[in-house]
N, C-alpha and C. Protein backbone atom coordinates (compact mmCIF):
# COMPACT_ATOMS: atom_id res chain seq x y z
N MET A 1 0.82 -1.20 0.01
CA MET A 1 -0.01 -0.01 0.00
C MET A 1 0.87 1.26 0.00
N SER A 2 2.13 1.13 0.35
CA SER A 2 2.96 2.32 0.45
C SER A 2 3.12 3.03 -0.89
N GLY A 3 3.01 2.28 -1.99
CA GLY A 3 3.17 2.91 -3.30
C GLY A 3 1.84 3.23 -3.98
N TYR A 4 0.74 2.96 -3.28
CA TYR A 4 -0.58 3.16 -3.86
C TYR A 4 -0.97 4.62 -3.85
N ASP A 5 -1.37 5.14 -4.97
CA ASP A 5 -1.83 6.54 -5.09
C ASP A 5 -3.30 6.52 -5.51
N PRO A 6 -4.21 6.72 -4.56
CA PRO A 6 -5.64 6.62 -4.91
C PRO A 6 -6.08 7.65 -5.94
N MET A 7 -5.49 8.82 -5.95
CA MET A 7 -5.92 9.81 -6.93
C MET A 7 -5.46 9.42 -8.33
N GLU A 8 -4.26 8.87 -8.41
CA GLU A 8 -3.75 8.40 -9.71
C GLU A 8 -4.62 7.26 -10.22
N SER A 9 -4.99 6.36 -9.32
CA SER A 9 -5.86 5.24 -9.68
C SER A 9 -7.23 5.74 -10.14
N ALA A 10 -7.77 6.69 -9.42
CA ALA A 10 -9.09 7.25 -9.79
C ALA A 10 -9.03 7.91 -11.14
N GLY A 11 -7.89 8.50 -11.48
CA GLY A 11 -7.72 9.15 -12.76
C GLY A 11 -7.79 8.18 -13.93
N ARG A 12 -7.59 6.90 -13.69
CA ARG A 12 -7.66 5.89 -14.73
C ARG A 12 -9.07 5.30 -14.89
N ILE A 13 -9.97 5.62 -13.99
CA ILE A 13 -11.31 5.07 -14.07
C ILE A 13 -12.09 5.75 -15.20
N GLU A 14 -12.67 4.95 -16.05
CA GLU A 14 -13.44 5.46 -17.17
C GLU A 14 -14.97 5.31 -16.95
N GLU A 15 -15.33 4.56 -15.94
CA GLU A 15 -16.73 4.34 -15.63
C GLU A 15 -17.29 5.48 -14.80
N PRO A 16 -18.61 5.57 -14.68
CA PRO A 16 -19.21 6.60 -13.81
C PRO A 16 -18.69 6.45 -12.38
N ILE A 17 -18.41 7.56 -11.76
CA ILE A 17 -17.91 7.56 -10.38
C ILE A 17 -18.51 8.79 -9.68
N LEU A 18 -18.93 8.58 -8.43
CA LEU A 18 -19.58 9.65 -7.67
C LEU A 18 -18.74 10.00 -6.46
N PHE A 19 -18.38 11.29 -6.37
CA PHE A 19 -17.64 11.82 -5.23
C PHE A 19 -18.57 12.68 -4.41
N MET A 20 -18.66 12.41 -3.11
CA MET A 20 -19.58 13.14 -2.24
C MET A 20 -18.85 13.57 -0.98
N GLN A 21 -19.17 14.77 -0.52
CA GLN A 21 -18.54 15.26 0.71
C GLN A 21 -19.45 16.30 1.36
N GLY A 22 -19.48 16.25 2.69
CA GLY A 22 -20.20 17.27 3.45
C GLY A 22 -19.23 18.36 3.88
N THR A 23 -19.71 19.59 3.98
CA THR A 23 -18.85 20.70 4.40
C THR A 23 -18.46 20.63 5.87
N HIS A 24 -19.18 19.80 6.66
CA HIS A 24 -18.85 19.65 8.07
C HIS A 24 -18.17 18.33 8.35
N ASP A 25 -17.51 17.81 7.33
CA ASP A 25 -16.69 16.61 7.52
C ASP A 25 -15.57 16.93 8.49
N LEU A 26 -14.85 15.92 8.91
CA LEU A 26 -13.78 16.12 9.89
C LEU A 26 -12.78 17.14 9.38
N GLY A 27 -12.82 18.33 9.97
CA GLY A 27 -12.03 19.45 9.48
C GLY A 27 -10.52 19.25 9.48
N GLU A 28 -10.01 18.60 10.52
CA GLU A 28 -8.55 18.45 10.58
C GLU A 28 -8.05 17.37 9.64
N ILE A 29 -8.95 16.51 9.19
CA ILE A 29 -8.55 15.42 8.30
C ILE A 29 -8.96 15.68 6.87
N ILE A 30 -10.16 16.14 6.69
CA ILE A 30 -10.73 16.34 5.35
C ILE A 30 -11.28 17.75 5.27
N ASP A 31 -10.87 18.49 4.25
CA ASP A 31 -11.50 19.79 4.04
C ASP A 31 -12.13 19.79 2.65
N THR A 32 -12.88 20.80 2.36
CA THR A 32 -13.61 20.80 1.09
C THR A 32 -12.69 20.89 -0.12
N GLU A 33 -11.46 21.26 0.09
CA GLU A 33 -10.49 21.29 -1.02
C GLU A 33 -10.20 19.87 -1.54
N ASN A 34 -10.44 18.88 -0.69
CA ASN A 34 -10.23 17.50 -1.14
C ASN A 34 -11.12 17.17 -2.32
N LEU A 35 -12.33 17.64 -2.32
CA LEU A 35 -13.23 17.37 -3.44
C LEU A 35 -12.65 17.96 -4.71
N ASN A 36 -12.04 19.13 -4.61
CA ASN A 36 -11.40 19.73 -5.78
C ASN A 36 -10.20 18.93 -6.23
N LYS A 37 -9.48 18.28 -5.31
CA LYS A 37 -8.35 17.43 -5.68
C LYS A 37 -8.83 16.23 -6.45
N TRP A 38 -9.95 15.64 -6.03
CA TRP A 38 -10.53 14.50 -6.74
C TRP A 38 -11.03 14.95 -8.12
N ARG A 39 -11.60 16.13 -8.18
CA ARG A 39 -12.08 16.67 -9.46
C ARG A 39 -10.91 16.81 -10.43
N LEU A 40 -9.80 17.32 -9.96
CA LEU A 40 -8.61 17.47 -10.79
C LEU A 40 -8.06 16.10 -11.21
N ALA A 41 -8.01 15.16 -10.29
CA ALA A 41 -7.48 13.82 -10.58
C ALA A 41 -8.33 13.09 -11.61
N THR A 42 -9.63 13.39 -11.65
CA THR A 42 -10.52 12.69 -12.58
C THR A 42 -11.04 13.59 -13.69
N LYS A 43 -10.31 14.63 -13.98
CA LYS A 43 -10.76 15.64 -14.95
C LYS A 43 -11.00 15.06 -16.34
N ASN A 44 -10.39 13.92 -16.67
CA ASN A 44 -10.58 13.32 -17.99
C ASN A 44 -11.74 12.35 -18.03
N ASN A 45 -12.45 12.21 -16.95
CA ASN A 45 -13.59 11.32 -16.91
C ASN A 45 -14.89 12.14 -16.95
N PRO A 46 -15.51 12.21 -18.12
CA PRO A 46 -16.75 12.99 -18.24
C PRO A 46 -17.92 12.39 -17.44
N LYS A 47 -17.74 11.16 -16.96
CA LYS A 47 -18.79 10.50 -16.21
C LYS A 47 -18.66 10.71 -14.69
N ALA A 48 -17.62 11.44 -14.27
CA ALA A 48 -17.43 11.70 -12.86
C ALA A 48 -18.39 12.79 -12.38
N ILE A 49 -18.97 12.55 -11.22
CA ILE A 49 -19.92 13.50 -10.62
C ILE A 49 -19.40 13.88 -9.25
N TYR A 50 -19.54 15.15 -8.90
CA TYR A 50 -19.02 15.69 -7.66
C TYR A 50 -20.15 16.39 -6.92
N LYS A 51 -20.35 16.05 -5.65
CA LYS A 51 -21.40 16.65 -4.86
C LYS A 51 -20.85 17.15 -3.52
N LEU A 52 -21.17 18.37 -3.19
CA LEU A 52 -20.78 18.95 -1.90
C LEU A 52 -22.06 19.31 -1.16
N TYR A 53 -22.17 18.88 0.07
CA TYR A 53 -23.40 19.06 0.85
C TYR A 53 -23.13 20.00 2.04
N PRO A 54 -23.65 21.20 1.97
CA PRO A 54 -23.47 22.17 3.05
C PRO A 54 -24.08 21.67 4.36
N GLY A 55 -23.32 21.78 5.45
CA GLY A 55 -23.80 21.48 6.79
C GLY A 55 -23.88 20.02 7.14
N LEU A 56 -23.37 19.12 6.25
CA LEU A 56 -23.42 17.69 6.56
C LEU A 56 -22.02 17.19 6.93
N ASN A 57 -22.02 16.19 7.83
CA ASN A 57 -20.74 15.64 8.29
C ASN A 57 -20.37 14.40 7.48
N HIS A 58 -19.41 13.62 7.99
CA HIS A 58 -18.88 12.46 7.30
C HIS A 58 -19.96 11.41 7.04
N PHE A 59 -20.98 11.37 7.87
CA PHE A 59 -22.06 10.42 7.74
C PHE A 59 -23.26 11.00 6.98
N PHE A 60 -23.05 12.19 6.41
CA PHE A 60 -24.08 12.91 5.66
C PHE A 60 -25.32 13.18 6.53
N THR A 61 -25.03 13.57 7.76
CA THR A 61 -26.09 14.01 8.65
C THR A 61 -25.85 15.48 8.98
N GLU A 62 -26.90 16.20 9.24
CA GLU A 62 -26.80 17.64 9.51
C GLU A 62 -26.17 17.89 10.87
N THR A 63 -25.19 18.79 10.91
CA THR A 63 -24.53 19.16 12.16
C THR A 63 -24.36 20.68 12.19
N GLU A 64 -24.06 21.18 13.37
CA GLU A 64 -23.83 22.63 13.49
C GLU A 64 -22.37 23.01 13.40
N SER A 65 -21.48 22.05 13.55
CA SER A 65 -20.05 22.39 13.50
C SER A 65 -19.27 21.27 12.80
N ILE A 66 -18.09 21.62 12.34
CA ILE A 66 -17.23 20.67 11.62
C ILE A 66 -16.81 19.55 12.57
N GLY A 67 -16.95 18.32 12.09
CA GLY A 67 -16.52 17.15 12.85
C GLY A 67 -17.49 16.72 13.93
N GLU A 68 -18.61 17.43 14.12
CA GLU A 68 -19.57 17.07 15.15
C GLU A 68 -20.14 15.69 14.86
N ARG A 69 -20.24 14.88 15.91
CA ARG A 69 -20.82 13.54 15.78
C ARG A 69 -22.09 13.46 16.64
N LYS A 70 -22.99 12.68 16.21
CA LYS A 70 -24.22 12.46 16.96
C LYS A 70 -24.33 11.00 17.32
N SER A 71 -25.03 10.70 18.42
CA SER A 71 -25.19 9.31 18.81
C SER A 71 -26.23 8.59 17.94
N TYR A 72 -27.00 9.36 17.20
CA TYR A 72 -27.96 8.83 16.25
C TYR A 72 -27.75 9.58 14.95
N PHE A 73 -28.21 9.02 13.88
CA PHE A 73 -28.17 9.79 12.65
C PHE A 73 -29.21 9.31 11.67
N SER A 74 -29.63 10.23 10.87
CA SER A 74 -30.56 9.96 9.79
C SER A 74 -29.95 10.64 8.57
N MET A 75 -29.52 9.84 7.62
CA MET A 75 -28.85 10.40 6.46
C MET A 75 -29.77 11.38 5.73
N ASP A 76 -29.18 12.46 5.30
CA ASP A 76 -29.91 13.52 4.58
C ASP A 76 -30.63 12.95 3.36
N GLU A 77 -31.88 13.38 3.15
CA GLU A 77 -32.68 12.85 2.04
C GLU A 77 -32.09 13.22 0.69
N GLU A 78 -31.49 14.40 0.57
CA GLU A 78 -30.87 14.78 -0.71
C GLU A 78 -29.73 13.83 -1.07
N VAL A 79 -28.95 13.43 -0.07
CA VAL A 79 -27.84 12.50 -0.31
C VAL A 79 -28.40 11.17 -0.80
N LEU A 80 -29.42 10.64 -0.10
CA LEU A 80 -30.01 9.37 -0.48
C LEU A 80 -30.59 9.46 -1.91
N SER A 81 -31.20 10.58 -2.22
CA SER A 81 -31.77 10.76 -3.55
C SER A 81 -30.67 10.82 -4.61
N ASP A 82 -29.57 11.51 -4.30
CA ASP A 82 -28.46 11.58 -5.24
C ASP A 82 -27.81 10.22 -5.49
N ILE A 83 -27.67 9.42 -4.43
CA ILE A 83 -27.11 8.07 -4.57
C ILE A 83 -28.05 7.22 -5.42
N ALA A 84 -29.34 7.26 -5.12
CA ALA A 84 -30.31 6.46 -5.88
C ALA A 84 -30.33 6.88 -7.34
N ASP A 85 -30.28 8.19 -7.59
CA ASP A 85 -30.27 8.70 -8.94
C ASP A 85 -29.03 8.21 -9.68
N PHE A 86 -27.87 8.30 -9.03
CA PHE A 86 -26.63 7.87 -9.67
C PHE A 86 -26.71 6.36 -10.00
N LEU A 87 -27.19 5.55 -9.05
CA LEU A 87 -27.26 4.11 -9.30
C LEU A 87 -28.30 3.77 -10.38
N ASN A 88 -29.40 4.48 -10.40
CA ASN A 88 -30.41 4.24 -11.43
C ASN A 88 -29.93 4.60 -12.81
N LYS A 89 -29.10 5.64 -12.92
CA LYS A 89 -28.57 6.08 -14.20
C LYS A 89 -27.37 5.26 -14.64
N ASN A 90 -26.77 4.54 -13.73
CA ASN A 90 -25.55 3.80 -14.01
C ASN A 90 -25.60 2.37 -13.52
N PRO A 91 -26.59 1.58 -13.97
CA PRO A 91 -26.67 0.21 -13.51
C PRO A 91 -25.48 -0.61 -14.05
N SER A 92 -25.06 -1.55 -13.26
CA SER A 92 -23.97 -2.42 -13.78
C SER A 92 -24.19 -3.85 -13.36
């Protein structure tokens, strides 16, 4: 794994691929610039889709602050709809 470059690997994918991130994801580990890095890495894939969800954390649940975790969660309906839409448009 030491030589594995996930962005380089993603850049070789020609199939549809969905990148999703909440703006309240773990701030010290993941920032919203990561989505732009994936966008750059997959710029040659016209089937790549990128989604940024304001106010959602790593689990795609609504939070008030970056990295906030809840003991319960209900995934945001827009996220579920986007996943279903992606899968319905890209059956394999």
